[in-house]
């Protein structure tokens, strides 16, 4: 399991949320996506964190990114790619049992 975090700073939060509402449909259908969550910062209304739990980093980069699910997902979020401030994969080290 690998966790991807993407931090956005977006000029139009309303349209951004609507785009992600559509984008999570193909994301949720992907066999490589185990979970996802889009969170809005309480101190900065234009800042969001997207957390996606993937089966593995390879499954994300080679499976999802080469699938029809990615095409549908990316079509919705394409306008916000330039708003990404950070995008990284993390391996859980300590978790609540």
PDB file of N, CA and C in Angstrom:
ATOM      1  N   UNK A   1       0.839  -1.174   0.000  1.00  0.00           N
ATOM      2  CA  UNK A   1       0.000   0.000   0.000  1.00  0.00           C
ATOM      3  C   UNK A   1       0.888   1.243   0.000  1.00  0.00           C
ATOM      4  N   UNK A   2       0.459   2.250  -0.769  1.00  0.00           N
ATOM      5  CA  UNK A   2       1.173   3.521  -0.842  1.00  0.00           C
ATOM      6  C   UNK A   2       0.145   4.651  -0.793  1.00  0.00           C
ATOM      7  N   UNK A   3       0.515   5.759  -0.175  1.00  0.00           N
ATOM      8  CA  UNK A   3      -0.402   6.889  -0.046  1.00  0.00           C
ATOM      9  C   UNK A   3       0.159   8.054  -0.852  1.00  0.00           C
ATOM     10  N   UNK A   4      -0.661   8.585  -1.717  1.00  0.00           N
ATOM     11  CA  UNK A   4      -0.283   9.761  -2.505  1.00  0.00           C
ATOM     12  C   UNK A   4      -0.969  10.980  -1.909  1.00  0.00           C
ATOM     13  N   UNK A   5      -0.199  12.048  -1.731  1.00  0.00           N
ATOM     14  CA  UNK A   5      -0.749  13.325  -1.267  1.00  0.00           C
ATOM     15  C   UNK A   5      -0.487  14.367  -2.338  1.00  0.00           C
ATOM     16  N   UNK A   6      -1.536  15.105  -2.681  1.00  0.00           N
ATOM     17  CA  UNK A   6      -1.424  16.186  -3.651  1.00  0.00           C
ATOM     18  C   UNK A   6      -1.980  17.449  -2.999  1.00  0.00           C
ATOM     19  N   UNK A   7      -1.153  18.490  -2.939  1.00  0.00           N
ATOM     20  CA  UNK A   7      -1.593  19.764  -2.354  1.00  0.00           C
ATOM     21  C   UNK A   7      -1.862  20.760  -3.484  1.00  0.00           C
ATOM     22  N   UNK A   8      -3.057  21.316  -3.457  1.00  0.00           N
ATOM     23  CA  UNK A   8      -3.487  22.295  -4.451  1.00  0.00           C
ATOM     24  C   UNK A   8      -3.713  23.649  -3.789  1.00  0.00           C
ATOM     25  N   UNK A   9      -3.465  24.704  -4.543  1.00  0.00           N
ATOM     26  CA  UNK A   9      -3.916  26.056  -4.192  1.00  0.00           C
ATOM     27  C   UNK A   9      -4.677  26.540  -5.429  1.00  0.00           C
ATOM     28  N   UNK A  10      -6.003  26.631  -5.300  1.00  0.00           N
ATOM     29  CA  UNK A  10      -6.858  26.877  -6.462  1.00  0.00           C
ATOM     30  C   UNK A  10      -7.564  28.235  -6.385  1.00  0.00           C
ATOM     31  N   UNK A  11      -7.684  28.913  -7.530  1.00  0.00           N
ATOM     32  CA  UNK A  11      -8.330  30.232  -7.546  1.00  0.00           C
ATOM     33  C   UNK A  11      -9.855  30.164  -7.434  1.00  0.00           C
ATOM     34  N   UNK A  12     -10.471  29.066  -7.874  1.00  0.00           N
ATOM     35  CA  UNK A  12     -11.932  28.940  -7.851  1.00  0.00           C
ATOM     36  C   UNK A  12     -12.330  27.651  -7.124  1.00  0.00           C
ATOM     37  N   UNK A  13     -12.380  27.699  -5.784  1.00  0.00           N
ATOM     38  CA  UNK A  13     -12.663  26.476  -5.021  1.00  0.00           C
ATOM     39  C   UNK A  13     -13.984  25.791  -5.390  1.00  0.00           C
ATOM     40  N   UNK A  14     -15.011  26.557  -5.707  1.00  0.00           N
ATOM     41  CA  UNK A  14     -16.303  25.946  -6.033  1.00  0.00           C
ATOM     42  C   UNK A  14     -16.230  25.062  -7.257  1.00  0.00           C
ATOM     43  N   UNK A  15     -15.650  25.548  -8.326  1.00  0.00           N
ATOM     44  CA  UNK A  15     -15.535  24.752  -9.546  1.00  0.00           C
ATOM     45  C   UNK A  15     -14.549  23.599  -9.352  1.00  0.00           C
ATOM     46  N   UNK A  16     -13.509  23.826  -8.574  1.00  0.00           N
ATOM     47  CA  UNK A  16     -12.550  22.766  -8.267  1.00  0.00           C
ATOM     48  C   UNK A  16     -13.244  21.597  -7.581  1.00  0.00           C
ATOM     49  N   UNK A  17     -14.049  21.886  -6.575  1.00  0.00           N
ATOM     50  CA  UNK A  17     -14.774  20.819  -5.866  1.00  0.00           C
ATOM     51  C   UNK A  17     -15.740  20.102  -6.793  1.00  0.00           C
ATOM     52  N   UNK A  18     -16.411  20.842  -7.666  1.00  0.00           N
ATOM     53  CA  UNK A  18     -17.339  20.220  -8.615  1.00  0.00           C
ATOM     54  C   UNK A  18     -16.580  19.300  -9.581  1.00  0.00           C
ATOM     55  N   UNK A  19     -15.409  19.733 -10.042  1.00  0.00           N
ATOM     56  CA  UNK A  19     -14.604  18.911 -10.943  1.00  0.00           C
ATOM     57  C   UNK A  19     -14.159  17.625 -10.248  1.00  0.00           C
ATOM     58  N   UNK A  20     -13.755  17.732  -8.997  1.00  0.00           N
ATOM     59  CA  UNK A  20     -13.340  16.534  -8.272  1.00  0.00           C
ATOM     60  C   UNK A  20     -14.515  15.618  -7.952  1.00  0.00           C
ATOM     61  N   UNK A  21     -15.675  16.184  -7.770  1.00  0.00           N
ATOM     62  CA  UNK A  21     -16.872  15.352  -7.556  1.00  0.00           C
ATOM     63  C   UNK A  21     -17.093  14.454  -8.771  1.00  0.00           C
ATOM     64  N   UNK A  22     -16.824  14.980  -9.949  1.00  0.00           N
ATOM     65  CA  UNK A  22     -16.933  14.177 -11.178  1.00  0.00           C
ATOM     66  C   UNK A  22     -15.727  13.243 -11.335  1.00  0.00           C
ATOM     67  N   UNK A  23     -14.547  13.720 -10.982  1.00  0.00           N
ATOM     68  CA  UNK A  23     -13.311  12.947 -11.175  1.00  0.00           C
ATOM     69  C   UNK A  23     -13.240  11.704 -10.302  1.00  0.00           C
ATOM     70  N   UNK A  24     -13.847  11.746  -9.134  1.00  0.00           N
ATOM     71  CA  UNK A  24     -13.755  10.585  -8.242  1.00  0.00           C
ATOM     72  C   UNK A  24     -14.587   9.397  -8.730  1.00  0.00           C
ATOM     73  N   UNK A  25     -15.466   9.614  -9.683  1.00  0.00           N
ATOM     74  CA  UNK A  25     -16.240   8.485 -10.219  1.00  0.00           C
ATOM     75  C   UNK A  25     -15.304   7.480 -10.888  1.00  0.00           C
ATOM     76  N   UNK A  26     -14.496   7.881 -11.885  1.00  0.00           N
ATOM     77  CA  UNK A  26     -13.567   6.892 -12.455  1.00  0.00           C
ATOM     78  C   UNK A  26     -12.452   6.492 -11.482  1.00  0.00           C
ATOM     79  N   UNK A  27     -12.034   7.400 -10.627  1.00  0.00           N
ATOM     80  CA  UNK A  27     -11.020   7.056  -9.631  1.00  0.00           C
ATOM     81  C   UNK A  27     -11.519   5.927  -8.739  1.00  0.00           C
ATOM     82  N   UNK A  28     -12.740   6.040  -8.270  1.00  0.00           N
ATOM     83  CA  UNK A  28     -13.326   5.028  -7.398  1.00  0.00           C
ATOM     84  C   UNK A  28     -13.546   3.690  -8.077  1.00  0.00           C
ATOM     85  N   UNK A  29     -13.654   3.677  -9.395  1.00  0.00           N
ATOM     86  CA  UNK A  29     -13.831   2.430 -10.149  1.00  0.00           C
ATOM     87  C   UNK A  29     -12.513   1.711 -10.387  1.00  0.00           C
ATOM     88  N   UNK A  30     -11.400   2.419 -10.219  1.00  0.00           N
ATOM     89  CA  UNK A  30     -10.090   1.841 -10.474  1.00  0.00           C
ATOM     90  C   UNK A  30      -9.790   0.732  -9.468  1.00  0.00           C
ATOM     91  N   UNK A  31      -9.335  -0.430  -9.941  1.00  0.00           N
ATOM     92  CA  UNK A  31      -9.000  -1.513  -9.011  1.00  0.00           C
ATOM     93  C   UNK A  31      -7.747  -1.214  -8.180  1.00  0.00           C
ATOM     94  N   UNK A  32      -6.977  -0.198  -8.562  1.00  0.00           N
ATOM     95  CA  UNK A  32      -5.748   0.146  -7.850  1.00  0.00           C
ATOM     96  C   UNK A  32      -5.959   1.182  -6.751  1.00  0.00           C
ATOM     97  N   UNK A  33      -7.087   1.872  -6.793  1.00  0.00           N
ATOM     98  CA  UNK A  33      -7.410   2.893  -5.786  1.00  0.00           C
ATOM     99  C   UNK A  33      -8.182   2.247  -4.647  1.00  0.00           C
ATOM    100  N   UNK A  34      -7.605   2.261  -3.451  1.00  0.00           N
ATOM    101  CA  UNK A  34      -8.245   1.655  -2.297  1.00  0.00           C
ATOM    102  C   UNK A  34      -9.111   2.651  -1.526  1.00  0.00           C
ATOM    103  N   UNK A  35      -8.732   3.931  -1.556  1.00  0.00           N
ATOM    104  CA  UNK A  35      -9.443   4.956  -0.795  1.00  0.00           C
ATOM    105  C   UNK A  35      -8.990   6.322  -1.295  1.00  0.00           C
ATOM    106  N   UNK A  36      -9.836   7.319  -1.083  1.00  0.00           N
ATOM    107  CA  UNK A  36      -9.447   8.688  -1.415  1.00  0.00           C
ATOM    108  C   UNK A  36     -10.194   9.655  -0.508  1.00  0.00           C
ATOM    109  N   UNK A  37      -9.636  10.842  -0.374  1.00  0.00           N
ATOM    110  CA  UNK A  37     -10.261  11.890   0.439  1.00  0.00           C
ATOM    111  C   UNK A  37      -9.741  13.240  -0.042  1.00  0.00           C
ATOM    112  N   UNK A  38     -10.648  14.158  -0.319  1.00  0.00           N
ATOM    113  CA  UNK A  38     -10.276  15.533  -0.640  1.00  0.00           C
ATOM    114  C   UNK A  38     -10.636  16.373   0.575  1.00  0.00           C
ATOM    115  N   UNK A  39      -9.644  17.079   1.125  1.00  0.00           N
ATOM    116  CA  UNK A  39      -9.851  17.901   2.318  1.00  0.00           C
ATOM    117  C   UNK A  39      -9.517  19.347   2.007  1.00  0.00           C
ATOM    118  N   UNK A  40     -10.306  20.250   2.585  1.00  0.00           N
ATOM    119  CA  UNK A  40     -10.117  21.692   2.403  1.00  0.00           C
ATOM    120  C   UNK A  40      -9.495  22.269   3.668  1.00  0.00           C
ATOM    121  N   UNK A  41      -8.503  23.121   3.495  1.00  0.00           N
ATOM    122  CA  UNK A  41      -7.827  23.742   4.620  1.00  0.00           C
ATOM    123  C   UNK A  41      -8.777  24.703   5.341  1.00  0.00           C
ATOM    124  N   UNK A  42      -8.781  24.652   6.648  1.00  0.00           N
ATOM    125  CA  UNK A  42      -9.651  25.546   7.426  1.00  0.00           C
ATOM    126  C   UNK A  42      -9.045  26.935   7.584  1.00  0.00           C
ATOM    127  N   UNK A  43      -7.735  27.057   7.406  1.00  0.00           N
ATOM    128  CA  UNK A  43      -7.072  28.358   7.551  1.00  0.00           C
ATOM    129  C   UNK A  43      -6.880  29.087   6.217  1.00  0.00           C
ATOM    130  N   UNK A  44      -6.965  28.372   5.111  1.00  0.00           N
ATOM    131  CA  UNK A  44      -6.773  28.968   3.783  1.00  0.00           C
ATOM    132  C   UNK A  44      -7.776  28.332   2.830  1.00  0.00           C
ATOM    133  N   UNK A  45      -8.838  29.044   2.512  1.00  0.00           N
ATOM    134  CA  UNK A  45      -9.969  28.500   1.753  1.00  0.00           C
ATOM    135  C   UNK A  45      -9.609  28.050   0.337  1.00  0.00           C
ATOM    136  N   UNK A  46      -8.462  28.456  -0.167  1.00  0.00           N
ATOM    137  CA  UNK A  46      -8.070  28.069  -1.522  1.00  0.00           C
ATOM    138  C   UNK A  46      -7.104  26.880  -1.544  1.00  0.00           C
ATOM    139  N   UNK A  47      -6.874  26.247  -0.398  1.00  0.00           N
ATOM    140  CA  UNK A  47      -5.894  25.167  -0.294  1.00  0.00           C
ATOM    141  C   UNK A  47      -6.584  23.836   0.025  1.00  0.00           C
ATOM    142  N   UNK A  48      -6.195  22.809  -0.723  1.00  0.00           N
ATOM    143  CA  UNK A  48      -6.770  21.470  -0.581  1.00  0.00           C
ATOM    144  C   UNK A  48      -5.657  20.435  -0.540  1.00  0.00           C
ATOM    145  N   UNK A  49      -5.951  19.310   0.109  1.00  0.00           N
ATOM    146  CA  UNK A  49      -5.097  18.128   0.073  1.00  0.00           C
ATOM    147  C   UNK A  49      -5.944  16.969  -0.441  1.00  0.00           C
ATOM    148  N   UNK A  50      -5.434  16.304  -1.466  1.00  0.00           N
ATOM    149  CA  UNK A  50      -6.055  15.075  -1.943  1.00  0.00           C
ATOM    150  C   UNK A  50      -5.192  13.927  -1.464  1.00  0.00           C
ATOM    151  N   UNK A  51      -5.808  12.970  -0.774  1.00  0.00           N
ATOM    152  CA  UNK A  51      -5.124  11.772  -0.300  1.00  0.00           C
ATOM    153  C   UNK A  51      -5.710  10.589  -1.046  1.00  0.00           C
ATOM    154  N   UNK A  52      -4.852   9.842  -1.722  1.00  0.00           N
ATOM    155  CA  UNK A  52      -5.288   8.639  -2.429  1.00  0.00           C
ATOM    156  C   UNK A  52      -4.451   7.472  -1.929  1.00  0.00           C
ATOM    157  N   UNK A  53      -5.104   6.403  -1.532  1.00  0.00           N
ATOM    158  CA  UNK A  53      -4.421   5.178  -1.119  1.00  0.00           C
ATOM    159  C   UNK A  53      -4.454   4.223  -2.308  1.00  0.00           C
ATOM    160  N   UNK A  54      -3.263   3.856  -2.769  1.00  0.00           N
ATOM    161  CA  UNK A  54      -3.106   2.965  -3.913  1.00  0.00           C
ATOM    162  C   UNK A  54      -2.628   1.593  -3.436  1.00  0.00           C
ATOM    163  N   UNK A  55      -2.878   0.573  -4.232  1.00  0.00           N
ATOM    164  CA  UNK A  55      -2.390  -0.763  -3.899  1.00  0.00           C
ATOM    165  C   UNK A  55      -0.863  -0.779  -3.865  1.00  0.00           C
ATOM    166  N   UNK A  56      -0.223  -0.005  -4.751  1.00  0.00           N
ATOM    167  CA  UNK A  56       1.235   0.164  -4.750  1.00  0.00           C
ATOM    168  C   UNK A  56       1.565   1.378  -5.615  1.00  0.00           C
ATOM    169  N   UNK A  57       2.780   1.880  -5.471  1.00  0.00           N
ATOM    170  CA  UNK A  57       3.202   3.000  -6.310  1.00  0.00           C
ATOM    171  C   UNK A  57       3.256   2.578  -7.784  1.00  0.00           C
ATOM    172  N   UNK A  58       3.725   1.374  -8.026  1.00  0.00           N
ATOM    173  CA  UNK A  58       3.778   0.864  -9.396  1.00  0.00           C
ATOM    174  C   UNK A  58       2.374   0.734  -9.989  1.00  0.00           C
ATOM    175  N   UNK A  59       1.428   0.232  -9.192  1.00  0.00           N
ATOM    176  CA  UNK A  59       0.050   0.120  -9.682  1.00  0.00           C
ATOM    177  C   UNK A  59      -0.523   1.487 -10.037  1.00  0.00           C
ATOM    178  N   UNK A  60      -0.164   2.499  -9.259  1.00  0.00           N
ATOM    179  CA  UNK A  60      -0.626   3.852  -9.574  1.00  0.00           C
ATOM    180  C   UNK A  60       0.003   4.340 -10.878  1.00  0.00           C
ATOM    181  N   UNK A  61       1.331   4.287 -10.942  1.00  0.00           N
ATOM    182  CA  UNK A  61       2.048   4.879 -12.067  1.00  0.00           C
ATOM    183  C   UNK A  61       1.929   4.062 -13.359  1.00  0.00           C
ATOM    184  N   UNK A  62       1.911   2.743 -13.259  1.00  0.00           N
ATOM    185  CA  UNK A  62       1.856   1.901 -14.455  1.00  0.00           C
ATOM    186  C   UNK A  62       0.443   1.394 -14.756  1.00  0.00           C
ATOM    187  N   UNK A  63      -0.319   1.085 -13.717  1.00  0.00           N
ATOM    188  CA  UNK A  63      -1.677   0.562 -13.929  1.00  0.00           C
ATOM    189  C   UNK A  63      -2.682   1.677 -14.178  1.00  0.00           C
ATOM    190  N   UNK A  64      -2.890   2.505 -13.164  1.00  0.00           N
ATOM    191  CA  UNK A  64      -3.900   3.561 -13.262  1.00  0.00           C
ATOM    192  C   UNK A  64      -3.569   4.566 -14.364  1.00  0.00           C
ATOM    193  N   UNK A  65      -2.339   5.023 -14.400  1.00  0.00           N
ATOM    194  CA  UNK A  65      -1.971   6.074 -15.362  1.00  0.00           C
ATOM    195  C   UNK A  65      -2.076   5.604 -16.813  1.00  0.00           C
ATOM    196  N   UNK A  66      -2.079   4.314 -17.037  1.00  0.00           N
ATOM    197  CA  UNK A  66      -2.197   3.774 -18.407  1.00  0.00           C
ATOM    198  C   UNK A  66      -3.601   3.244 -18.697  1.00  0.00           C
ATOM    199  N   UNK A  67      -4.519   3.455 -17.785  1.00  0.00           N
ATOM    200  CA  UNK A  67      -5.864   2.895 -17.926  1.00  0.00           C
ATOM    201  C   UNK A  67      -6.867   3.928 -18.447  1.00  0.00           C
ATOM    202  N   UNK A  68      -8.021   3.423 -18.851  1.00  0.00           N
ATOM    203  CA  UNK A  68      -9.117   4.305 -19.272  1.00  0.00           C
ATOM    204  C   UNK A  68      -9.634   5.127 -18.096  1.00  0.00           C
ATOM    205  N   UNK A  69      -9.461   4.636 -16.871  1.00  0.00           N
ATOM    206  CA  UNK A  69      -9.897   5.382 -15.685  1.00  0.00           C
ATOM    207  C   UNK A  69      -9.130   6.700 -15.568  1.00  0.00           C
ATOM    208  N   UNK A  70      -7.826   6.645 -15.867  1.00  0.00           N
ATOM    209  CA  UNK A  70      -7.014   7.859 -15.776  1.00  0.00           C
ATOM    210  C   UNK A  70      -7.482   8.903 -16.789  1.00  0.00           C
ATOM    211  N   UNK A  71      -7.782   8.489 -17.990  1.00  0.00           N
ATOM    212  CA  UNK A  71      -8.249   9.425 -19.008  1.00  0.00           C
ATOM    213  C   UNK A  71      -9.488  10.177 -18.562  1.00  0.00           C
ATOM    214  N   UNK A  72     -10.442   9.459 -18.001  1.00  0.00           N
ATOM    215  CA  UNK A  72     -11.673  10.078 -17.506  1.00  0.00           C
ATOM    216  C   UNK A  72     -11.392  10.982 -16.313  1.00  0.00           C
ATOM    217  N   UNK A  73     -10.550  10.512 -15.405  1.00  0.00           N
ATOM    218  CA  UNK A  73     -10.169  11.285 -14.223  1.00  0.00           C
ATOM    219  C   UNK A  73      -9.454  12.572 -14.633  1.00  0.00           C
ATOM    220  N   UNK A  74      -8.456  12.432 -15.503  1.00  0.00           N
ATOM    221  CA  UNK A  74      -7.640  13.579 -15.898  1.00  0.00           C
ATOM    222  C   UNK A  74      -8.435  14.612 -16.690  1.00  0.00           C
ATOM    223  N   UNK A  75      -9.413  14.180 -17.446  1.00  0.00           N
ATOM    224  CA  UNK A  75     -10.245  15.119 -18.208  1.00  0.00           C
ATOM    225  C   UNK A  75     -10.911  16.131 -17.274  1.00  0.00           C
ATOM    226  N   UNK A  76     -11.259  15.711 -16.067  1.00  0.00           N
ATOM    227  CA  UNK A  76     -11.913  16.597 -15.099  1.00  0.00           C
ATOM    228  C   UNK A  76     -10.922  17.501 -14.365  1.00  0.00           C
ATOM    229  N   UNK A  77      -9.756  16.983 -14.056  1.00  0.00           N
ATOM    230  CA  UNK A  77      -8.819  17.766 -13.231  1.00  0.00           C
ATOM    231  C   UNK A  77      -7.754  18.513 -14.024  1.00  0.00           C
ATOM    232  N   UNK A  78      -7.708  18.285 -15.320  1.00  0.00           N
ATOM    233  CA  UNK A  78      -6.693  18.933 -16.171  1.00  0.00           C
ATOM    234  C   UNK A  78      -6.554  20.441 -15.915  1.00  0.00           C
ATOM    235  N   UNK A  79      -7.658  21.193 -15.769  1.00  0.00           N
ATOM    236  CA  UNK A  79      -7.518  22.639 -15.546  1.00  0.00           C
ATOM    237  C   UNK A  79      -6.792  23.004 -14.244  1.00  0.00           C
ATOM    238  N   UNK A  80      -6.624  22.050 -13.337  1.00  0.00           N
ATOM    239  CA  UNK A  80      -6.054  22.340 -12.019  1.00  0.00           C
ATOM    240  C   UNK A  80      -4.635  21.806 -11.838  1.00  0.00           C
ATOM    241  N   UNK A  81      -4.067  21.201 -12.863  1.00  0.00           N
ATOM    242  CA  UNK A  81      -2.718  20.648 -12.758  1.00  0.00           C
ATOM    243  C   UNK A  81      -1.707  21.744 -12.420  1.00  0.00           C
ATOM    244  N   UNK A  82      -1.871  22.909 -12.999  1.00  0.00           N
ATOM    245  CA  UNK A  82      -0.925  23.999 -12.712  1.00  0.00           C
ATOM    246  C   UNK A  82      -1.087  24.549 -11.292  1.00  0.00           C
ATOM    247  N   UNK A  83      -2.175  24.178 -10.605  1.00  0.00           N
ATOM    248  CA  UNK A  83      -2.410  24.613  -9.229  1.00  0.00           C
ATOM    249  C   UNK A  83      -1.805  23.662  -8.195  1.00  0.00           C
ATOM    250  N   UNK A  84      -1.169  22.593  -8.652  1.00  0.00           N
ATOM    251  CA  UNK A  84      -0.535  21.636  -7.740  1.00  0.00           C
ATOM    252  C   UNK A  84       0.740  22.244  -7.171  1.00  0.00           C
ATOM    253  N   UNK A  85       0.837  22.260  -5.853  1.00  0.00           N
ATOM    254  CA  UNK A  85       2.039  22.757  -5.177  1.00  0.00           C
ATOM    255  C   UNK A  85       2.978  21.620  -4.795  1.00  0.00           C
ATOM    256  N   UNK A  86       2.403  20.444  -4.555  1.00  0.00           N
ATOM    257  CA  UNK A  86       3.218  19.281  -4.186  1.00  0.00           C
ATOM    258  C   UNK A  86       2.443  18.022  -4.507  1.00  0.00           C
ATOM    259  N   UNK A  87       3.165  16.994  -4.995  1.00  0.00           N
ATOM    260  CA  UNK A  87       2.556  15.699  -5.282  1.00  0.00           C
ATOM    261  C   UNK A  87       3.606  14.649  -4.964  1.00  0.00           C
ATOM    262  N   UNK A  88       3.336  13.817  -3.949  1.00  0.00           N
ATOM    263  CA  UNK A  88       4.314  12.831  -3.481  1.00  0.00           C
ATOM    264  C   UNK A  88       3.627  11.538  -3.053  1.00  0.00           C
ATOM    265  N   UNK A  89       4.396  10.455  -3.089  1.00  0.00           N
ATOM    266  CA  UNK A  89       3.954   9.163  -2.572  1.00  0.00           C
ATOM    267  C   UNK A  89       4.626   8.914  -1.223  1.00  0.00           C
ATOM    268  N   UNK A  90       3.870   8.335  -0.314  1.00  0.00           N
ATOM    269  CA  UNK A  90       4.386   8.034   1.030  1.00  0.00           C
ATOM    270  C   UNK A  90       4.031   6.596   1.405  1.00  0.00           C
ATOM    271  N   UNK A  91       4.953   5.957   2.101  1.00  0.00           N
ATOM    272  CA  UNK A  91       4.707   4.618   2.633  1.00  0.00           C
ATOM    273  C   UNK A  91       4.400   4.758   4.114  1.00  0.00           C
ATOM    274  N   UNK A  92       3.258   4.234   4.575  1.00  0.00           N
ATOM    275  CA  UNK A  92       2.943   4.315   5.996  1.00  0.00           C
ATOM    276  C   UNK A  92       4.025   3.636   6.853  1.00  0.00           C
ATOM    277  N   UNK A  93       4.383   4.273   7.949  1.00  0.00           N
ATOM    278  CA  UNK A  93       5.402   3.753   8.850  1.00  0.00           C
ATOM    279  C   UNK A  93       4.784   3.344  10.172  1.00  0.00           C
ATOM    280  N   UNK A  94       3.989   4.221  10.746  1.00  0.00           N
ATOM    281  CA  UNK A  94       3.297   3.945  12.020  1.00  0.00           C
ATOM    282  C   UNK A  94       1.817   4.260  11.803  1.00  0.00           C
ATOM    283  N   UNK A  95       0.966   3.311  12.126  1.00  0.00           N
ATOM    284  CA  UNK A  95      -0.475   3.503  11.964  1.00  0.00           C
ATOM    285  C   UNK A  95      -1.214   3.057  13.212  1.00  0.00           C
ATOM    286  N   UNK A  96      -2.412   3.544  13.346  1.00  0.00           N
ATOM    287  CA  UNK A  96      -3.262   3.138  14.470  1.00  0.00           C
ATOM    288  C   UNK A  96      -3.783   1.739  14.180  1.00  0.00           C
ATOM    289  N   UNK A  97      -3.635   0.859  15.125  1.00  0.00           N
ATOM    290  CA  UNK A  97      -4.054  -0.542  14.940  1.00  0.00           C
ATOM    291  C   UNK A  97      -5.550  -0.690  15.063  1.00  0.00           C
TER     292      UNK A  97
END
